[in-house]
Amino acid sequence: MPTMAEVARRAGVSVSTVSHVINHTRFVSPEKARLINDAIAAMGYQPNELARSLKVASTNSVGLAISAISNPYFTDIICAVEAECARLGLMVFLSDTQEDPDRELSVVRAFHQRRVDGVILAPSGSPQRAIDYLAEKKLPCVLIDRFADQRFDQIGVENETAMRALIDHVASFGHKRIGYIAGQPGLATTRERIEAFRASLAANGLECLPHYVSPENVDTASATASTHAILSLPSSPTALVTGNNMTTIGAVRAIRERGLSIPGDLSLAGFDDFEWADCFEPRLTLVAQPCTEIGRQAATLLCARIASSGLEPQAVRLQATLQVRQSCAGPAPIMSAPVRSAPVRSI
């Protein structure tokens, strides 16, 4: 089905001009209106009823504030948000808050000053001022990835079941000493995964040793240092689990710097599958989040929220997928279990 953006390109006008003709919200010259209507007829375009129900004063734009655009995890989310918004005839203003609460507040203020119709926000570790501002201004908002405030719609992954599948897989090789390299401190996602790690160990009859858990890693460098520290313990783990893609890269770097092999000397598995995971040797077992679906649903939900502010806030949890590859085996020095590689299985 053609999009409003495609109609605009064919007619040689802006998306907002097409929207004004369809919704009768502003005067458009008869010649431009004819070009637009001809394009609509030729392409068989059918206006989206949800988008048409948006408030008349709409600017047909939304703000997308991402906490760390440099993180590959957000790439598919951004693309999906933009694709869905284009389908709905909405322009997206993108900004990187760089995990900085002050910058985050400045960004949402700028979005409001630009009179965007709503905001999609991947919160920082301390997002309360930005979220309070959005609530005060009654600006529709959807929070993605990190569940930070029940006043707004939220979309993220089901961390508990994803971690349970991950630990079940690692434990199935006979590992008793499993360490954890967590992500950025202060994030709801980090807390949820640490709690799920402990609960999943207990469910497998395993003890969670405090010195095997590194709870605060802000980037790959800190994850590398934390991995070195854990592997320097007198009785170090035989397997490591990582909390996100950045800590995975940091852990791999430390393991290689120590001259250890995966999975011969140490098994490794973690969260946030990424494009380069297939380039590692061995290929890494990782939890893949439904990033495209997170982005698509965030845009759709925001559009519904803009159209009807009276809806109750929703907390949407999507299921992740465990990508089983070759980075786990039996604990060294006894390799009693073979290296396993299996098709993708849903969590």
C-alpha atoms as a PDB file:
ATOM      1  CA  MET A   1       0.000   0.000   0.000  1.00  0.00           C
ATOM      2  CA  PRO A   2       1.443   3.432  -0.945  1.00  0.00           C
ATOM      3  CA  THR A   3       2.298   5.853   1.846  1.00  0.00           C
ATOM      4  CA  MET A   4       1.532   9.543   2.240  1.00  0.00           C
ATOM      5  CA  ALA A   5       5.225  10.254   1.659  1.00  0.00           C
ATOM      6  CA  GLU A   6       5.072   8.445  -1.696  1.00  0.00           C
ATOM      7  CA  VAL A   7       1.982  10.444  -2.684  1.00  0.00           C
ATOM      8  CA  ALA A   8       3.856  13.633  -1.766  1.00  0.00           C
ATOM      9  CA  ARG A   9       6.857  12.667  -3.909  1.00  0.00           C
ATOM     10  CA  ARG A  10       4.660  11.874  -6.898  1.00  0.00           C
ATOM     11  CA  ALA A  11       2.781  15.164  -6.563  1.00  0.00           C
ATOM     12  CA  GLY A  12       5.974  17.135  -5.947  1.00  0.00           C
ATOM     13  CA  VAL A  13       4.788  18.571  -2.625  1.00  0.00           C
ATOM     14  CA  SER A  14       5.510  18.092   1.078  1.00  0.00           C
ATOM     15  CA  VAL A  15       3.913  15.422   3.251  1.00  0.00           C
ATOM     16  CA  SER A  16       2.226  18.126   5.326  1.00  0.00           C
ATOM     17  CA  THR A  17       0.588  19.577   2.189  1.00  0.00           C
ATOM     18  CA  VAL A  18      -0.842  16.156   1.332  1.00  0.00           C
ATOM     19  CA  SER A  19      -2.126  15.889   4.901  1.00  0.00           C
ATOM     20  CA  HIS A  20      -3.842  19.285   4.677  1.00  0.00           C
ATOM     21  CA  VAL A  21      -5.629  18.280   1.473  1.00  0.00           C
ATOM     22  CA  ILE A  22      -6.786  14.957   2.915  1.00  0.00           C
ATOM     23  CA  ASN A  23      -7.868  16.372   6.278  1.00  0.00           C
ATOM     24  CA  HIS A  24      -9.067  19.791   5.024  1.00  0.00           C
ATOM     25  CA  THR A  25      -7.011  21.507   7.726  1.00  0.00           C
ATOM     26  CA  ARG A  26      -5.461  24.352   5.713  1.00  0.00           C
ATOM     27  CA  PHE A  27      -5.906  26.099   2.377  1.00  0.00           C
ATOM     28  CA  VAL A  28      -3.955  24.526  -0.474  1.00  0.00           C
ATOM     29  CA  SER A  29      -3.898  26.053  -3.944  1.00  0.00           C
ATOM     30  CA  PRO A  30      -6.279  24.385  -6.422  1.00  0.00           C
ATOM     31  CA  GLU A  31      -3.373  23.367  -8.669  1.00  0.00           C
ATOM     32  CA  LYS A  32      -1.495  21.610  -5.859  1.00  0.00           C
ATOM     33  CA  ALA A  33      -4.708  20.034  -4.591  1.00  0.00           C
ATOM     34  CA  ARG A  34      -5.373  18.670  -8.084  1.00  0.00           C
ATOM     35  CA  LEU A  35      -1.857  17.205  -8.309  1.00  0.00           C
ATOM     36  CA  ILE A  36      -2.301  15.560  -4.918  1.00  0.00           C
ATOM     37  CA  ASN A  37      -5.741  14.153  -5.711  1.00  0.00           C
ATOM     38  CA  ASP A  38      -4.478  12.850  -9.061  1.00  0.00           C
ATOM     39  CA  ALA A  39      -1.575  11.122  -7.291  1.00  0.00           C
ATOM     40  CA  ILE A  40      -3.938   9.624  -4.707  1.00  0.00           C
ATOM     41  CA  ALA A  41      -6.191   8.260  -7.447  1.00  0.00           C
ATOM     42  CA  ALA A  42      -3.329   6.927  -9.577  1.00  0.00           C
ATOM     43  CA  MET A  43      -1.620   5.190  -6.657  1.00  0.00           C
ATOM     44  CA  GLY A  44      -4.754   3.921  -4.955  1.00  0.00           C
ATOM     45  CA  TYR A  45      -3.753   5.593  -1.712  1.00  0.00           C
ATOM     46  CA  GLN A  46      -6.145   5.152   1.206  1.00  0.00           C
ATOM     47  CA  PRO A  47      -5.683   7.532   4.167  1.00  0.00           C
ATOM     48  CA  ASN A  48      -5.037   5.813   7.479  1.00  0.00           C
ATOM     49  CA  GLU A  49      -8.070   6.331   9.699  1.00  0.00           C
ATOM     50  CA  LEU A  50      -5.960   6.452  12.854  1.00  0.00           C
ATOM     51  CA  ALA A  51      -3.756   9.197  11.457  1.00  0.00           C
ATOM     52  CA  ARG A  52      -6.801  11.132  10.222  1.00  0.00           C
ATOM     53  CA  SER A  53      -8.263  11.113  13.709  1.00  0.00           C
ATOM     54  CA  LEU A  54      -5.360  13.170  15.105  1.00  0.00           C
ATOM     55  CA  LYS A  55      -6.234  16.598  16.516  1.00  0.00           C
ATOM     56  CA  VAL A  56      -6.843  19.356  13.976  1.00  0.00           C
ATOM     57  CA  ALA A  57      -4.055  21.514  15.435  1.00  0.00           C
ATOM     58  CA  SER A  58      -1.560  18.751  14.665  1.00  0.00           C
ATOM     59  CA  THR A  59       1.862  19.592  13.269  1.00  0.00           C
ATOM     60  CA  ASN A  60       2.096  16.045  11.906  1.00  0.00           C
ATOM     61  CA  SER A  61       5.396  15.582  13.701  1.00  0.00           C
ATOM     62  CA  VAL A  62       6.751  13.576  16.625  1.00  0.00           C
ATOM     63  CA  GLY A  63       9.964  13.752  18.624  1.00  0.00           C
ATOM     64  CA  LEU A  64      12.178  10.685  19.045  1.00  0.00           C
ATOM     65  CA  ALA A  65      14.720  11.008  21.871  1.00  0.00           C
ATOM     66  CA  ILE A  66      17.232   8.155  22.065  1.00  0.00           C
ATOM     67  CA  SER A  67      19.523   7.763  25.060  1.00  0.00           C
ATOM     68  CA  ALA A  68      22.523   6.534  23.050  1.00  0.00           C
ATOM     69  CA  ILE A  69      22.294   6.590  19.267  1.00  0.00           C
ATOM     70  CA  SER A  70      25.806   5.123  19.067  1.00  0.00           C
ATOM     71  CA  ASN A  71      24.441   1.887  20.562  1.00  0.00           C
ATOM     72  CA  PRO A  72      23.601  -0.476  17.662  1.00  0.00           C
ATOM     73  CA  TYR A  73      20.620  -1.772  19.656  1.00  0.00           C
ATOM     74  CA  PHE A  74      18.696   1.404  18.867  1.00  0.00           C
ATOM     75  CA  THR A  75      19.329   1.393  15.103  1.00  0.00           C
ATOM     76  CA  ASP A  76      16.478  -0.962  14.196  1.00  0.00           C
ATOM     77  CA  ILE A  77      14.166   0.803  16.655  1.00  0.00           C
ATOM     78  CA  ILE A  78      14.846   4.186  15.033  1.00  0.00           C
ATOM     79  CA  CYS A  79      14.313   2.785  11.525  1.00  0.00           C
ATOM     80  CA  ALA A  80      11.033   1.134  12.536  1.00  0.00           C
ATOM     81  CA  VAL A  81       9.719   4.297  14.211  1.00  0.00           C
ATOM     82  CA  GLU A  82      10.532   6.376  11.143  1.00  0.00           C
ATOM     83  CA  ALA A  83       9.001   3.832   8.757  1.00  0.00           C
ATOM     84  CA  GLU A  84       5.751   3.590  10.709  1.00  0.00           C
ATOM     85  CA  CYS A  85       5.519   7.355  11.161  1.00  0.00           C
ATOM     86  CA  ALA A  86       6.082   7.865   7.423  1.00  0.00           C
ATOM     87  CA  ARG A  87       3.257   5.427   6.747  1.00  0.00           C
ATOM     88  CA  LEU A  88       1.048   7.516   9.029  1.00  0.00           C
ATOM     89  CA  GLY A  89       2.153  10.768   7.411  1.00  0.00           C
ATOM     90  CA  LEU A  90       4.194  11.983  10.379  1.00  0.00           C
ATOM     91  CA  MET A  91       7.602  13.669  10.379  1.00  0.00           C
ATOM     92  CA  VAL A  92      10.149  12.476  12.978  1.00  0.00           C
ATOM     93  CA  PHE A  93      12.588  14.790  14.772  1.00  0.00           C
ATOM     94  CA  LEU A  94      15.445  12.650  16.113  1.00  0.00           C
ATOM     95  CA  SER A  95      17.751  13.630  18.983  1.00  0.00           C
ATOM     96  CA  ASP A  96      20.467  11.862  20.975  1.00  0.00           C
ATOM     97  CA  THR A  97      20.292  12.594  24.714  1.00  0.00           C
ATOM     98  CA  GLN A  98      23.647  10.830  25.275  1.00  0.00           C
ATOM     99  CA  GLU A  99      22.459   9.333  28.578  1.00  0.00           C
ATOM    100  CA  ASP A 100      22.614  12.873  30.024  1.00  0.00           C
ATOM    101  CA  PRO A 101      19.556  13.866  32.141  1.00  0.00           C
ATOM    102  CA  ASP A 102      20.211  17.597  31.572  1.00  0.00           C
ATOM    103  CA  ARG A 103      20.387  17.138  27.816  1.00  0.00           C
ATOM    104  CA  GLU A 104      17.335  14.881  27.977  1.00  0.00           C
ATOM    105  CA  LEU A 105      15.301  17.648  29.633  1.00  0.00           C
ATOM    106  CA  SER A 106      16.537  20.182  27.060  1.00  0.00           C
ATOM    107  CA  VAL A 107      15.537  17.864  24.222  1.00  0.00           C
ATOM    108  CA  VAL A 108      11.963  17.299  25.418  1.00  0.00           C
ATOM    109  CA  ARG A 109      11.607  21.049  26.024  1.00  0.00           C
ATOM    110  CA  ALA A 110      12.764  21.702  22.464  1.00  0.00           C
ATOM    111  CA  PHE A 111      10.287  19.144  21.163  1.00  0.00           C
ATOM    112  CA  HIS A 112       7.483  20.906  23.036  1.00  0.00           C
ATOM    113  CA  GLN A 113       8.574  24.299  21.703  1.00  0.00           C
ATOM    114  CA  ARG A 114       8.460  22.864  18.193  1.00  0.00           C
ATOM    115  CA  ARG A 115       4.882  21.819  18.972  1.00  0.00           C
ATOM    116  CA  VAL A 116       5.393  18.163  18.129  1.00  0.00           C
ATOM    117  CA  ASP A 117       2.258  16.075  18.583  1.00  0.00           C
ATOM    118  CA  GLY A 118       3.987  13.531  20.813  1.00  0.00           C
ATOM    119  CA  VAL A 119       7.297  12.069  21.958  1.00  0.00           C
ATOM    120  CA  ILE A 120       8.895   8.631  21.919  1.00  0.00           C
ATOM    121  CA  LEU A 121      11.562   8.526  24.621  1.00  0.00           C
ATOM    122  CA  ALA A 122      14.250   5.989  25.480  1.00  0.00           C
ATOM    123  CA  PRO A 123      14.879   7.271  29.024  1.00  0.00           C
ATOM    124  CA  SER A 124      18.279   7.971  30.539  1.00  0.00           C
ATOM    125  CA  GLY A 125      19.291   6.551  33.894  1.00  0.00           C
ATOM    126  CA  SER A 126      17.736   9.559  35.683  1.00  0.00           C
ATOM    127  CA  PRO A 127      14.806  10.624  33.495  1.00  0.00           C
ATOM    128  CA  GLN A 128      12.428  11.990  36.129  1.00  0.00           C
ATOM    129  CA  ARG A 129      12.742  15.693  35.259  1.00  0.00           C
ATOM    130  CA  ALA A 130      12.119  15.044  31.569  1.00  0.00           C
ATOM    131  CA  ILE A 131       9.183  12.752  32.311  1.00  0.00           C
ATOM    132  CA  ASP A 132       7.682  15.231  34.790  1.00  0.00           C
ATOM    133  CA  TYR A 133       7.979  17.957  32.143  1.00  0.00           C
ATOM    134  CA  LEU A 134       6.148  15.822  29.576  1.00  0.00           C
ATOM    135  CA  ALA A 135       3.415  15.090  32.112  1.00  0.00           C
ATOM    136  CA  GLU A 136       3.106  18.761  33.096  1.00  0.00           C
ATOM    137  CA  LYS A 137       2.746  19.826  29.449  1.00  0.00           C
ATOM    138  CA  LYS A 138       0.334  16.944  28.799  1.00  0.00           C
ATOM    139  CA  LEU A 139       2.439  15.928  25.822  1.00  0.00           C
ATOM    140  CA  PRO A 140       1.616  12.377  24.652  1.00  0.00           C
ATOM    141  CA  CYS A 141       4.583  10.091  25.197  1.00  0.00           C
ATOM    142  CA  VAL A 142       5.630   6.469  24.799  1.00  0.00           C
ATOM    143  CA  LEU A 143       8.651   5.181  26.730  1.00  0.00           C
ATOM    144  CA  ILE A 144      10.700   2.481  25.015  1.00  0.00           C
ATOM    145  CA  ASP A 145      13.178  -0.115  26.265  1.00  0.00           C
ATOM    146  CA  ARG A 146      13.298   1.142  29.859  1.00  0.00           C
ATOM    147  CA  PHE A 147      10.211   1.083  32.057  1.00  0.00           C
ATOM    148  CA  ALA A 148      10.475   4.349  33.975  1.00  0.00           C
ATOM    149  CA  ASP A 149       7.038   5.827  34.777  1.00  0.00           C
ATOM    150  CA  GLN A 150       3.517   4.404  34.886  1.00  0.00           C
ATOM    151  CA  ARG A 151       1.945   7.688  33.750  1.00  0.00           C
ATOM    152  CA  PHE A 152       2.962   6.934  30.165  1.00  0.00           C
ATOM    153  CA  ASP A 153       2.719   4.045  27.733  1.00  0.00           C
ATOM    154  CA  GLN A 154       5.783   1.816  27.817  1.00  0.00           C
ATOM    155  CA  ILE A 155       7.127  -0.810  25.421  1.00  0.00           C
ATOM    156  CA  GLY A 156      10.031  -3.129  26.144  1.00  0.00           C
ATOM    157  CA  VAL A 157      11.146  -6.722  26.355  1.00  0.00           C
ATOM    158  CA  GLU A 158      10.167  -9.361  28.911  1.00  0.00           C
ATOM    159  CA  ASN A 159      13.499  -9.492  30.752  1.00  0.00           C
ATOM    160  CA  GLU A 160      12.614 -12.187  33.277  1.00  0.00           C
ATOM    161  CA  THR A 161      11.705 -14.893  30.771  1.00  0.00           C
ATOM    162  CA  ALA A 162      14.597 -13.935  28.492  1.00  0.00           C
ATOM    163  CA  MET A 163      17.139 -14.223  31.319  1.00  0.00           C
ATOM    164  CA  ARG A 164      15.613 -17.504  32.479  1.00  0.00           C
ATOM    165  CA  ALA A 165      16.038 -19.011  29.005  1.00  0.00           C
ATOM    166  CA  LEU A 166      19.621 -17.745  28.896  1.00  0.00           C
ATOM    167  CA  ILE A 167      20.585 -19.195  32.293  1.00  0.00           C
ATOM    168  CA  ASP A 168      18.763 -22.465  31.589  1.00  0.00           C
ATOM    169  CA  HIS A 169      20.849 -22.809  28.435  1.00  0.00           C
ATOM    170  CA  VAL A 170      24.175 -22.053  30.145  1.00  0.00           C
ATOM    171  CA  ALA A 171      23.375 -24.270  33.148  1.00  0.00           C
ATOM    172  CA  SER A 172      22.440 -27.166  30.853  1.00  0.00           C
ATOM    173  CA  PHE A 173      26.148 -27.605  30.083  1.00  0.00           C
ATOM    174  CA  GLY A 174      26.875 -28.302  33.746  1.00  0.00           C
ATOM    175  CA  HIS A 175      28.141 -24.886  34.830  1.00  0.00           C
ATOM    176  CA  LYS A 176      27.930 -24.216  38.576  1.00  0.00           C
ATOM    177  CA  ARG A 177      29.951 -20.990  38.700  1.00  0.00           C
ATOM    178  CA  ILE A 178      28.296 -18.389  36.475  1.00  0.00           C
ATOM    179  CA  GLY A 179      29.273 -14.711  36.535  1.00  0.00           C
ATOM    180  CA  TYR A 180      27.348 -11.681  35.322  1.00  0.00           C
ATOM    181  CA  ILE A 181      28.566  -8.458  33.696  1.00  0.00           C
ATOM    182  CA  ALA A 182      25.604  -6.080  34.044  1.00  0.00           C
ATOM    183  CA  GLY A 183      24.852  -2.926  32.073  1.00  0.00           C
ATOM    184  CA  GLN A 184      24.566   0.724  32.963  1.00  0.00           C
ATOM    185  CA  PRO A 185      23.729   1.545  36.606  1.00  0.00           C
ATOM    186  CA  GLY A 186      20.449   3.229  37.474  1.00  0.00           C
ATOM    187  CA  LEU A 187      18.440   1.785  34.591  1.00  0.00           C
ATOM    188  CA  ALA A 188      15.267  -0.189  35.228  1.00  0.00           C
ATOM    189  CA  THR A 189      16.440  -2.648  32.564  1.00  0.00           C
ATOM    190  CA  THR A 190      19.708  -3.247  34.424  1.00  0.00           C
ATOM    191  CA  ARG A 191      17.899  -3.824  37.723  1.00  0.00           C
ATOM    192  CA  GLU A 192      15.395  -6.197  36.152  1.00  0.00           C
ATOM    193  CA  ARG A 193      18.099  -8.295  34.532  1.00  0.00           C
ATOM    194  CA  ILE A 194      20.211  -8.528  37.694  1.00  0.00           C
ATOM    195  CA  GLU A 195      17.151  -9.655  39.658  1.00  0.00           C
ATOM    196  CA  ALA A 196      16.232 -12.119  36.911  1.00  0.00           C
ATOM    197  CA  PHE A 197      19.824 -13.438  36.859  1.00  0.00           C
ATOM    198  CA  ARG A 198      19.693 -14.206  40.580  1.00  0.00           C
ATOM    199  CA  ALA A 199      16.224 -15.750  40.345  1.00  0.00           C
ATOM    200  CA  SER A 200      17.212 -17.871  37.344  1.00  0.00           C
ATOM    201  CA  LEU A 201      20.294 -19.215  39.127  1.00  0.00           C
ATOM    202  CA  ALA A 202      18.129 -20.139  42.116  1.00  0.00           C
ATOM    203  CA  ALA A 203      15.620 -21.862  39.836  1.00  0.00           C
ATOM    204  CA  ASN A 204      18.495 -23.998  38.546  1.00  0.00           C
ATOM    205  CA  GLY A 205      19.654 -24.807  42.080  1.00  0.00           C
ATOM    206  CA  LEU A 206      22.717 -22.577  41.768  1.00  0.00           C
ATOM    207  CA  GLU A 207      24.117 -20.011  44.185  1.00  0.00           C
ATOM    208  CA  CYS A 208      24.583 -16.384  43.135  1.00  0.00           C
ATOM    209  CA  LEU A 209      27.927 -15.279  44.562  1.00  0.00           C
ATOM    210  CA  PRO A 210      28.146 -11.473  45.003  1.00  0.00           C
ATOM    211  CA  HIS A 211      31.755 -11.304  43.794  1.00  0.00           C
ATOM    212  CA  TYR A 212      30.694 -12.999  40.543  1.00  0.00           C
ATOM    213  CA  VAL A 213      28.345 -10.097  39.722  1.00  0.00           C
ATOM    214  CA  SER A 214      29.588  -6.778  38.328  1.00  0.00           C
ATOM    215  CA  PRO A 215      26.494  -4.558  38.640  1.00  0.00           C
ATOM    216  CA  GLU A 216      27.679  -1.290  37.059  1.00  0.00           C
ATOM    217  CA  ASN A 217      29.271  -1.001  33.626  1.00  0.00           C
ATOM    218  CA  VAL A 218      28.702   2.168  31.621  1.00  0.00           C
ATOM    219  CA  ASP A 219      30.603   1.186  28.460  1.00  0.00           C
ATOM    220  CA  THR A 220      32.814  -1.444  26.843  1.00  0.00           C
ATOM    221  CA  ALA A 221      35.916  -0.230  28.707  1.00  0.00           C
ATOM    222  CA  SER A 222      34.331  -0.679  32.134  1.00  0.00           C
ATOM    223  CA  ALA A 223      32.955  -4.073  31.072  1.00  0.00           C
ATOM    224  CA  THR A 224      36.452  -5.108  30.002  1.00  0.00           C
ATOM    225  CA  ALA A 225      37.872  -4.064  33.381  1.00  0.00           C
ATOM    226  CA  SER A 226      35.070  -5.839  35.265  1.00  0.00           C
ATOM    227  CA  THR A 227      35.620  -9.034  33.290  1.00  0.00           C
ATOM    228  CA  HIS A 228      39.337  -8.952  34.084  1.00  0.00           C
ATOM    229  CA  ALA A 229      38.514  -8.496  37.780  1.00  0.00           C
ATOM    230  CA  ILE A 230      36.093 -11.423  37.910  1.00  0.00           C
ATOM    231  CA  LEU A 231      38.410 -13.722  35.958  1.00  0.00           C
ATOM    232  CA  SER A 232      41.266 -12.834  38.343  1.00  0.00           C
ATOM    233  CA  LEU A 233      39.425 -14.365  41.314  1.00  0.00           C
ATOM    234  CA  PRO A 234      41.059 -17.467  42.852  1.00  0.00           C
ATOM    235  CA  SER A 235      38.023 -19.536  41.895  1.00  0.00           C
ATOM    236  CA  SER A 236      36.676 -17.740  38.862  1.00  0.00           C
ATOM    237  CA  PRO A 237      33.447 -18.491  36.957  1.00  0.00           C
ATOM    238  CA  THR A 238      33.420 -21.106  34.225  1.00  0.00           C
ATOM    239  CA  ALA A 239      30.754 -19.151  32.332  1.00  0.00           C
ATOM    240  CA  LEU A 240      29.887 -15.483  31.939  1.00  0.00           C
ATOM    241  CA  VAL A 241      26.566 -13.847  31.075  1.00  0.00           C
ATOM    242  CA  THR A 242      26.476 -10.260  29.791  1.00  0.00           C
ATOM    243  CA  GLY A 243      23.686  -7.718  30.250  1.00  0.00           C
ATOM    244  CA  ASN A 244      23.786  -5.967  26.860  1.00  0.00           C
ATOM    245  CA  ASN A 245      25.723  -5.731  23.601  1.00  0.00           C
ATOM    246  CA  MET A 246      28.278  -3.254  24.946  1.00  0.00           C
ATOM    247  CA  THR A 247      29.188  -5.461  27.915  1.00  0.00           C
ATOM    248  CA  THR A 248      29.407  -8.445  25.564  1.00  0.00           C
ATOM    249  CA  ILE A 249      32.043  -6.673  23.478  1.00  0.00           C
ATOM    250  CA  GLY A 250      33.922  -5.659  26.628  1.00  0.00           C
ATOM    251  CA  ALA A 251      33.852  -9.212  27.974  1.00  0.00           C
ATOM    252  CA  VAL A 252      35.104 -10.705  24.702  1.00  0.00           C
ATOM    253  CA  ARG A 253      37.955  -8.194  24.660  1.00  0.00           C
ATOM    254  CA  ALA A 254      39.038  -9.120  28.211  1.00  0.00           C
ATOM    255  CA  ILE A 255      38.803 -12.855  27.515  1.00  0.00           C
ATOM    256  CA  ARG A 256      41.042 -12.491  24.470  1.00  0.00           C
ATOM    257  CA  GLU A 257      43.489 -10.231  26.313  1.00  0.00           C
ATOM    258  CA  ARG A 258      43.884 -13.004  28.888  1.00  0.00           C
ATOM    259  CA  GLY A 259      44.638 -15.531  26.159  1.00  0.00           C
ATOM    260  CA  LEU A 260      41.531 -17.589  26.918  1.00  0.00           C
ATOM    261  CA  SER A 261      39.356 -19.333  24.370  1.00  0.00           C
ATOM    262  CA  ILE A 262      35.566 -19.356  24.033  1.00  0.00           C
ATOM    263  CA  PRO A 263      34.083 -21.837  24.864  1.00  0.00           C
ATOM    264  CA  GLY A 264      37.115 -24.031  25.591  1.00  0.00           C
ATOM    265  CA  ASP A 265      38.247 -22.059  28.643  1.00  0.00           C
ATOM    266  CA  LEU A 266      35.121 -20.020  29.325  1.00  0.00           C
ATOM    267  CA  SER A 267      31.533 -20.090  28.076  1.00  0.00           C
ATOM    268  CA  LEU A 268      29.896 -16.785  27.164  1.00  0.00           C
ATOM    269  CA  ALA A 269      26.284 -15.788  26.469  1.00  0.00           C
ATOM    270  CA  GLY A 270      24.341 -12.584  26.863  1.00  0.00           C
ATOM    271  CA  PHE A 271      21.711 -10.039  25.951  1.00  0.00           C
ATOM    272  CA  ASP A 272      21.235  -7.987  22.798  1.00  0.00           C
ATOM    273  CA  ASP A 273      22.063  -9.850  19.641  1.00  0.00           C
ATOM    274  CA  PHE A 274      23.760  -7.593  17.109  1.00  0.00           C
ATOM    275  CA  GLU A 275      24.800  -7.722  13.480  1.00  0.00           C
ATOM    276  CA  TRP A 276      28.443  -8.514  14.195  1.00  0.00           C
ATOM    277  CA  ALA A 277      27.695 -11.508  16.443  1.00  0.00           C
ATOM    278  CA  ASP A 278      28.055 -13.818  13.437  1.00  0.00           C
ATOM    279  CA  CYS A 279      31.511 -12.374  12.759  1.00  0.00           C
ATOM    280  CA  PHE A 280      32.932 -13.535  16.095  1.00  0.00           C
ATOM    281  CA  GLU A 281      34.708 -16.861  16.352  1.00  0.00           C
ATOM    282  CA  PRO A 282      32.981 -18.732  17.794  1.00  0.00           C
ATOM    283  CA  ARG A 283      29.591 -17.240  16.954  1.00  0.00           C
ATOM    284  CA  LEU A 284      27.995 -15.883  20.129  1.00  0.00           C
ATOM    285  CA  THR A 285      24.844 -17.135  21.841  1.00  0.00           C
ATOM    286  CA  LEU A 286      22.745 -14.027  22.503  1.00  0.00           C
ATOM    287  CA  VAL A 287      19.209 -12.914  23.315  1.00  0.00           C
ATOM    288  CA  ALA A 288      17.733 -11.055  20.339  1.00  0.00           C
ATOM    289  CA  GLN A 289      15.270  -8.328  21.198  1.00  0.00           C
ATOM    290  CA  PRO A 290      12.374  -7.548  18.806  1.00  0.00           C
ATOM    291  CA  CYS A 291      13.726  -4.065  18.046  1.00  0.00           C
ATOM    292  CA  THR A 292      11.738  -3.542  14.855  1.00  0.00           C
ATOM    293  CA  GLU A 293       8.513  -4.490  16.603  1.00  0.00           C
ATOM    294  CA  ILE A 294       9.337  -2.238  19.568  1.00  0.00           C
ATOM    295  CA  GLY A 295       9.761   0.707  17.203  1.00  0.00           C
ATOM    296  CA  ARG A 296       6.681  -0.078  15.136  1.00  0.00           C
ATOM    297  CA  GLN A 297       4.415  -0.532  18.144  1.00  0.00           C
ATOM    298  CA  ALA A 298       5.804   2.600  19.809  1.00  0.00           C
ATOM    299  CA  ALA A 299       4.848   4.712  16.784  1.00  0.00           C
ATOM    300  CA  THR A 300       1.404   3.113  16.482  1.00  0.00           C
ATOM    301  CA  LEU A 301       0.708   3.479  20.192  1.00  0.00           C
ATOM    302  CA  LEU A 302       1.833   7.109  20.211  1.00  0.00           C
ATOM    303  CA  CYS A 303      -0.448   7.881  17.273  1.00  0.00           C
ATOM    304  CA  ALA A 304      -3.371   6.314  19.137  1.00  0.00           C
ATOM    305  CA  ARG A 305      -2.468   8.307  22.256  1.00  0.00           C
ATOM    306  CA  ILE A 306      -2.387  11.560  20.274  1.00  0.00           C
ATOM    307  CA  ALA A 307      -5.793  10.781  18.786  1.00  0.00           C
ATOM    308  CA  SER A 308      -7.368   9.858  22.123  1.00  0.00           C
ATOM    309  CA  SER A 309      -5.673  11.140  25.269  1.00  0.00           C
ATOM    310  CA  GLY A 310      -8.233   9.447  27.508  1.00  0.00           C
ATOM    311  CA  LEU A 311      -6.806   5.963  26.974  1.00  0.00           C
ATOM    312  CA  GLU A 312      -5.307   4.222  30.004  1.00  0.00           C
ATOM    313  CA  PRO A 313      -1.492   3.910  29.848  1.00  0.00           C
ATOM    314  CA  GLN A 314      -0.269   0.513  28.680  1.00  0.00           C
ATOM    315  CA  ALA A 315       2.841  -1.444  29.617  1.00  0.00           C
ATOM    316  CA  VAL A 316       3.658  -3.718  26.678  1.00  0.00           C
ATOM    317  CA  ARG A 317       6.169  -6.517  27.195  1.00  0.00           C
ATOM    318  CA  LEU A 318       7.379  -8.271  24.048  1.00  0.00           C
ATOM    319  CA  GLN A 319       9.046 -11.678  23.944  1.00  0.00           C
ATOM    320  CA  ALA A 320      12.715 -11.946  23.041  1.00  0.00           C
ATOM    321  CA  THR A 321      14.378 -14.827  21.185  1.00  0.00           C
ATOM    322  CA  LEU A 322      17.409 -16.854  22.248  1.00  0.00           C
ATOM    323  CA  GLN A 323      19.852 -17.212  19.355  1.00  0.00           C
ATOM    324  CA  VAL A 324      21.749 -20.387  20.243  1.00  0.00           C
ATOM    325  CA  ARG A 325      25.181 -20.507  18.617  1.00  0.00           C
ATOM    326  CA  GLN A 326      28.614 -21.922  19.547  1.00  0.00           C
ATOM    327  CA  SER A 327      29.894 -19.906  22.526  1.00  0.00           C
ATOM    328  CA  CYS A 328      28.796 -22.287  25.296  1.00  0.00           C
ATOM    329  CA  ALA A 329      30.203 -25.695  26.214  1.00  0.00           C
ATOM    330  CA  GLY A 330      30.958 -27.743  29.312  1.00  0.00           C
ATOM    331  CA  PRO A 331      33.071 -26.147  32.066  1.00  0.00           C
ATOM    332  CA  ALA A 332      36.845 -26.345  31.684  1.00  0.00           C
ATOM    333  CA  PRO A 333      38.933 -28.422  32.120  1.00  0.00           C
ATOM    334  CA  ILE A 334      36.330 -31.173  31.682  1.00  0.00           C
ATOM    335  CA  MET A 335      34.489 -30.687  28.405  1.00  0.00           C
ATOM    336  CA  SER A 336      31.811 -33.279  29.077  1.00  0.00           C
ATOM    337  CA  ALA A 337      29.178 -31.545  26.990  1.00  0.00           C
ATOM    338  CA  PRO A 338      29.657 -30.901  23.275  1.00  0.00           C
ATOM    339  CA  VAL A 339      29.545 -27.435  21.796  1.00  0.00           C
ATOM    340  CA  ARG A 340      25.917 -26.827  20.895  1.00  0.00           C
ATOM    341  CA  SER A 341      24.487 -24.996  17.939  1.00  0.00           C
ATOM    342  CA  ALA A 342      20.773 -25.065  17.367  1.00  0.00           C
ATOM    343  CA  PRO A 343      18.162 -23.168  15.417  1.00  0.00           C
ATOM    344  CA  VAL A 344      16.565 -20.051  16.839  1.00  0.00           C
ATOM    345  CA  ARG A 345      13.993 -20.847  19.516  1.00  0.00           C
ATOM    346  CA  SER A 346      11.380 -18.540  20.934  1.00  0.00           C
ATOM    347  CA  ILE A 347      11.546 -17.668  24.616  1.00  0.00           C
END
